[in-house]
Each structure stands twice: as C-alpha cells, then as structure tokens.
Amino acid sequence: MELLIYIFAGLFILVLLFFILTYNYLITLRNRIDNAWAQIDVQLKRRYDLVPNLVETVKGYAKHERELFESVTKARAAMASAGTVAEKAKADNILSSTLKSLFAVAENYPQLRANENFKMLQEELAGIENKIAYARQFYNDSVLSYNTAIQHIPTNIVAAIFNFKAREFFKTEGSERENVKVKF
C-alpha cells in the first residue's frame, strides 16, 4: 500500500513538473514574440523619425514632385496610426514603396546625390531598412516556433488549458510584393 502511494505521488510530481516546464516554455516563446515585435517597432520608429528629414532634403531639389511627397507623408501617417500586426505590415509596405520612389526621384538630381546630408540620410535609411527586414524575419521565426509549440502534442494540452492563442505572422500583401513602378 505504501509503495502504491509513492508511485502515485511520483506520477503526480512528474505530471506537475511537465505542466510547469511546458508552461514556462510557452511563456518564453510568447515573450520572444513580444520582444521581436518591439524590435520591429523600434526600427519603424527610427525610420518614421528619419523620413521627414529625408523628404525635406529632397524637396529643395525636386519642387515639382509634390505628389510623391504627399504620398510619403500619407504613408508615414498611416504607419503612425496602425495598431495591429496586419495594419503595421500594410502601412510599412506602403511606406517602403514610397521611399523607393523617393530615391528614384533623387536619382534625377545629381547635385542632390552629391549632397552630404542626403547621402547620410540615405545610408542611415538603408541601414534601418536592413534592420527592419531582419527584425521582421526574427519576429516571424519566433511566431513560427510559438505556433508550432502550441499545436504539438502534448504541449497543446497545456496551451489549451492556459489559453495560449496562435500569433499572426508579419505578412506582405499582394500589391506590395510587386516591383515599384516609378513614373515621371
């Protein structure tokens, strides 16, 4: 009888240990996603702050490109008001494509390309774009690990008990996947 009590106590401890370790693992994965999203936000904020300086630098050389500057301003405003992952992804993609158009316009102004401020802004923006791409990739990798974990057996039991929900990937929509067409 005493042996039976020890066996049940041991099994109970093993099951409890499994739940604790699995729960902590899921929390770690969820926090990794939150951190990855925060890193995307940091880079998007840096770009958001840099864009007005870039636009003002280019404006001095390209006064007749008003429509492009308005598009950049609208895209920047959409980025600021986006709340969900999908909204931010869409706004980010629009801003990226308008910035590509802005750089294409700048190609027509050799004096602007030679301007040190423009060069510095362009290099910084290119660096930020690379960091954003890396942060998006890290975020999506984290979401993949988390979503896979909450779907695998037996982790899915703990995930269901503690209401762990699948997270959304950072996606590019169809039109943002196409090459940017610049028209003058």
Protein backbone atom coordinates (compact mmCIF):
# COMPACT_ATOMS: atom_id res chain seq x y z
CA MET A 1 0.00 0.00 0.00
CA GLU A 2 2.81 2.37 0.92
CA LEU A 3 4.54 1.59 -2.38
CA LEU A 4 1.38 2.49 -4.27
CA ILE A 5 1.24 5.88 -2.53
CA TYR A 6 4.85 6.55 -3.53
CA ILE A 7 4.12 5.58 -7.14
CA PHE A 8 1.08 7.89 -7.33
CA ALA A 9 2.99 10.70 -5.63
CA GLY A 10 5.85 10.22 -8.10
CA LEU A 11 3.48 10.26 -11.07
CA PHE A 12 1.74 13.35 -9.72
CA ILE A 13 5.08 15.12 -9.32
CA LEU A 14 6.11 14.14 -12.87
CA VAL A 15 2.83 15.42 -14.34
CA LEU A 16 3.07 18.62 -12.31
CA LEU A 17 6.69 19.08 -13.42
CA PHE A 18 5.65 18.52 -17.05
CA PHE A 19 2.95 21.22 -16.77
CA ILE A 20 5.30 23.69 -15.11
CA LEU A 21 8.11 23.18 -17.62
CA THR A 22 5.75 23.29 -20.60
CA TYR A 23 4.00 26.40 -19.31
CA ASN A 24 7.35 28.16 -18.77
CA TYR A 25 8.49 27.13 -22.25
CA LEU A 26 5.34 28.63 -23.82
CA ILE A 27 5.78 31.83 -21.80
CA THR A 28 9.37 32.09 -23.04
CA LEU A 29 8.23 31.70 -26.66
CA ARG A 30 5.43 34.23 -26.21
CA ASN A 31 7.81 36.75 -24.65
CA ARG A 32 10.26 36.21 -27.50
CA ILE A 33 7.49 37.19 -29.94
CA ASP A 34 6.67 40.30 -27.91
CA ASN A 35 10.34 41.24 -27.86
CA ALA A 36 10.66 40.67 -31.61
CA TRP A 37 7.63 42.87 -32.23
CA ALA A 38 9.12 45.58 -30.01
CA GLN A 39 12.33 45.43 -32.08
CA ILE A 40 10.32 45.95 -35.27
CA ASP A 41 8.61 48.90 -33.61
CA VAL A 42 11.96 50.43 -32.63
CA GLN A 43 13.22 50.29 -36.21
CA LEU A 44 9.92 51.54 -37.65
CA LYS A 45 10.04 54.48 -35.22
CA ARG A 46 13.61 55.29 -36.27
CA ARG A 47 12.54 55.26 -39.91
CA TYR A 48 9.42 57.27 -39.09
CA ASP A 49 11.57 59.96 -37.47
CA LEU A 50 14.11 59.96 -40.32
CA VAL A 51 11.64 60.25 -43.21
CA PRO A 52 10.72 63.95 -42.70
CA ASN A 53 14.41 64.92 -42.79
CA LEU A 54 14.89 62.95 -45.97
CA VAL A 55 11.80 64.45 -47.59
CA GLU A 56 12.85 67.99 -46.67
CA THR A 57 16.32 67.42 -48.11
CA VAL A 58 14.92 66.13 -51.39
CA LYS A 59 12.17 68.79 -51.56
CA GLY A 60 14.71 71.53 -52.02
CA TYR A 61 15.90 69.92 -55.24
CA ALA A 62 12.65 68.49 -56.57
CA LYS A 63 9.97 71.10 -56.01
CA HIS A 64 7.71 69.76 -58.78
CA GLU A 65 7.43 66.28 -57.23
CA ARG A 66 4.64 67.35 -54.82
CA GLU A 67 2.52 64.22 -55.33
CA LEU A 68 5.34 61.95 -54.26
CA PHE A 69 5.97 63.97 -51.11
CA GLU A 70 2.28 63.85 -50.26
CA SER A 71 2.35 60.05 -50.72
CA VAL A 72 5.32 59.74 -48.38
CA THR A 73 3.60 61.93 -45.81
CA LYS A 74 0.36 59.90 -46.03
CA ALA A 75 2.27 56.63 -45.75
CA ARG A 76 4.13 57.95 -42.72
CA ALA A 77 0.84 59.00 -41.10
CA ALA A 78 -0.68 55.57 -41.81
CA MET A 79 2.33 53.97 -40.14
CA ALA A 80 1.78 56.10 -37.03
CA SER A 81 -1.90 55.19 -36.75
CA ALA A 82 -1.53 51.43 -37.41
CA GLY A 83 -2.41 49.28 -34.43
CA THR A 84 -2.40 45.58 -35.32
CA VAL A 85 0.35 43.49 -36.87
CA ALA A 86 -1.56 43.38 -40.16
CA GLU A 87 -2.14 47.16 -40.21
CA LYS A 88 1.51 47.85 -39.41
CA ALA A 89 2.64 45.41 -42.09
CA LYS A 90 0.44 47.09 -44.68
CA ALA A 91 1.49 50.62 -43.69
CA ASP A 92 5.14 49.57 -43.56
CA ASN A 93 4.97 48.11 -47.05
CA ILE A 94 3.34 51.27 -48.43
CA LEU A 95 5.96 53.47 -46.78
CA SER A 96 8.76 51.26 -48.12
CA SER A 97 7.45 51.51 -51.68
CA THR A 98 7.01 55.30 -51.49
CA LEU A 99 10.56 55.64 -50.16
CA LYS A 100 11.81 53.63 -53.13
CA SER A 101 10.00 56.11 -55.38
CA LEU A 102 11.58 58.98 -53.48
CA PHE A 103 15.06 57.55 -54.06
CA ALA A 104 14.23 57.04 -57.73
CA VAL A 105 13.34 60.74 -57.99
CA ALA A 106 16.59 61.63 -56.26
CA GLU A 107 18.49 59.76 -58.96
CA ASN A 108 17.45 62.51 -61.41
CA TYR A 109 19.20 65.18 -59.34
CA PRO A 110 22.99 64.70 -59.39
CA GLN A 111 23.53 67.67 -57.06
CA LEU A 112 21.24 66.02 -54.50
CA ARG A 113 23.06 62.70 -54.70
CA ALA A 114 26.30 64.58 -54.03
CA ASN A 115 24.79 66.40 -51.02
CA GLU A 116 26.38 65.06 -47.81
CA ASN A 117 23.14 65.35 -45.81
CA PHE A 118 21.25 63.34 -48.41
CA LYS A 119 23.99 60.72 -48.55
CA MET A 120 24.00 60.38 -44.78
CA LEU A 121 20.20 60.16 -44.62
CA GLN A 122 20.06 57.64 -47.44
CA GLU A 123 22.72 55.45 -45.84
CA GLU A 124 21.01 55.60 -42.46
CA LEU A 125 17.66 54.77 -44.01
CA ALA A 126 19.19 51.84 -45.91
CA GLY A 127 20.64 50.57 -42.64
CA ILE A 128 17.28 50.91 -40.92
CA GLU A 129 15.56 49.06 -43.78
CA ASN A 130 18.03 46.19 -43.33
CA LYS A 131 17.37 46.12 -39.59
CA ILE A 132 13.62 46.15 -40.21
CA ALA A 133 13.96 43.21 -42.60
CA TYR A 134 15.99 41.29 -40.01
CA ALA A 135 13.54 42.18 -37.22
CA ARG A 136 10.60 41.01 -39.36
CA GLN A 137 12.39 37.73 -40.04
CA PHE A 138 13.17 37.22 -36.35
CA TYR A 139 9.55 38.03 -35.45
CA ASN A 140 8.20 35.54 -37.98
CA ASP A 141 10.68 32.88 -36.82
CA SER A 142 9.54 33.45 -33.23
CA VAL A 143 5.88 33.22 -34.24
CA LEU A 144 6.62 30.00 -36.11
CA SER A 145 8.28 28.42 -33.07
CA TYR A 146 5.46 29.51 -30.77
CA ASN A 147 2.62 28.48 -33.10
CA THR A 148 4.29 25.11 -33.69
CA ALA A 149 4.74 24.54 -29.96
CA ILE A 150 1.11 25.25 -29.12
CA GLN A 151 -0.02 22.83 -31.81
CA HIS A 152 2.26 19.89 -30.94
CA ILE A 153 1.15 17.11 -28.64
CA PRO A 154 1.38 17.20 -25.57
CA THR A 155 2.24 20.91 -25.40
CA ASN A 156 -1.11 21.72 -27.00
CA ILE A 157 -2.86 20.41 -23.87
CA VAL A 158 -1.08 22.95 -21.67
CA ALA A 159 -1.62 25.66 -24.30
CA ALA A 160 -5.36 24.94 -24.38
CA ILE A 161 -5.67 24.87 -20.58
CA PHE A 162 -3.88 28.21 -20.21
CA ASN A 163 -5.46 29.79 -23.31
CA PHE A 164 -2.34 30.30 -25.42
CA LYS A 165 -3.51 31.55 -28.83
CA ALA A 166 -1.72 31.43 -32.17
CA ARG A 167 0.03 34.64 -33.20
CA GLU A 168 -0.16 36.41 -36.54
CA PHE A 169 2.80 36.49 -38.94
CA PHE A 170 4.12 39.77 -40.34
CA LYS A 171 2.99 39.48 -43.95
CA THR A 172 3.37 41.45 -47.14
CA GLU A 173 0.19 41.86 -49.13
CA GLY A 174 -0.06 41.03 -52.82
CA SER A 175 0.41 44.51 -54.28
CA GLU A 176 3.42 45.19 -52.04
CA ARG A 177 5.19 42.14 -53.45
CA GLU A 178 5.37 43.65 -56.92
CA ASN A 179 8.22 45.82 -58.17
CA VAL A 180 7.79 49.52 -57.57
CA LYS A 181 6.96 51.44 -60.75
CA VAL A 182 8.19 55.00 -60.80
CA LYS A 183 6.53 57.37 -63.27
CA PHE A 184 7.55 60.91 -64.08
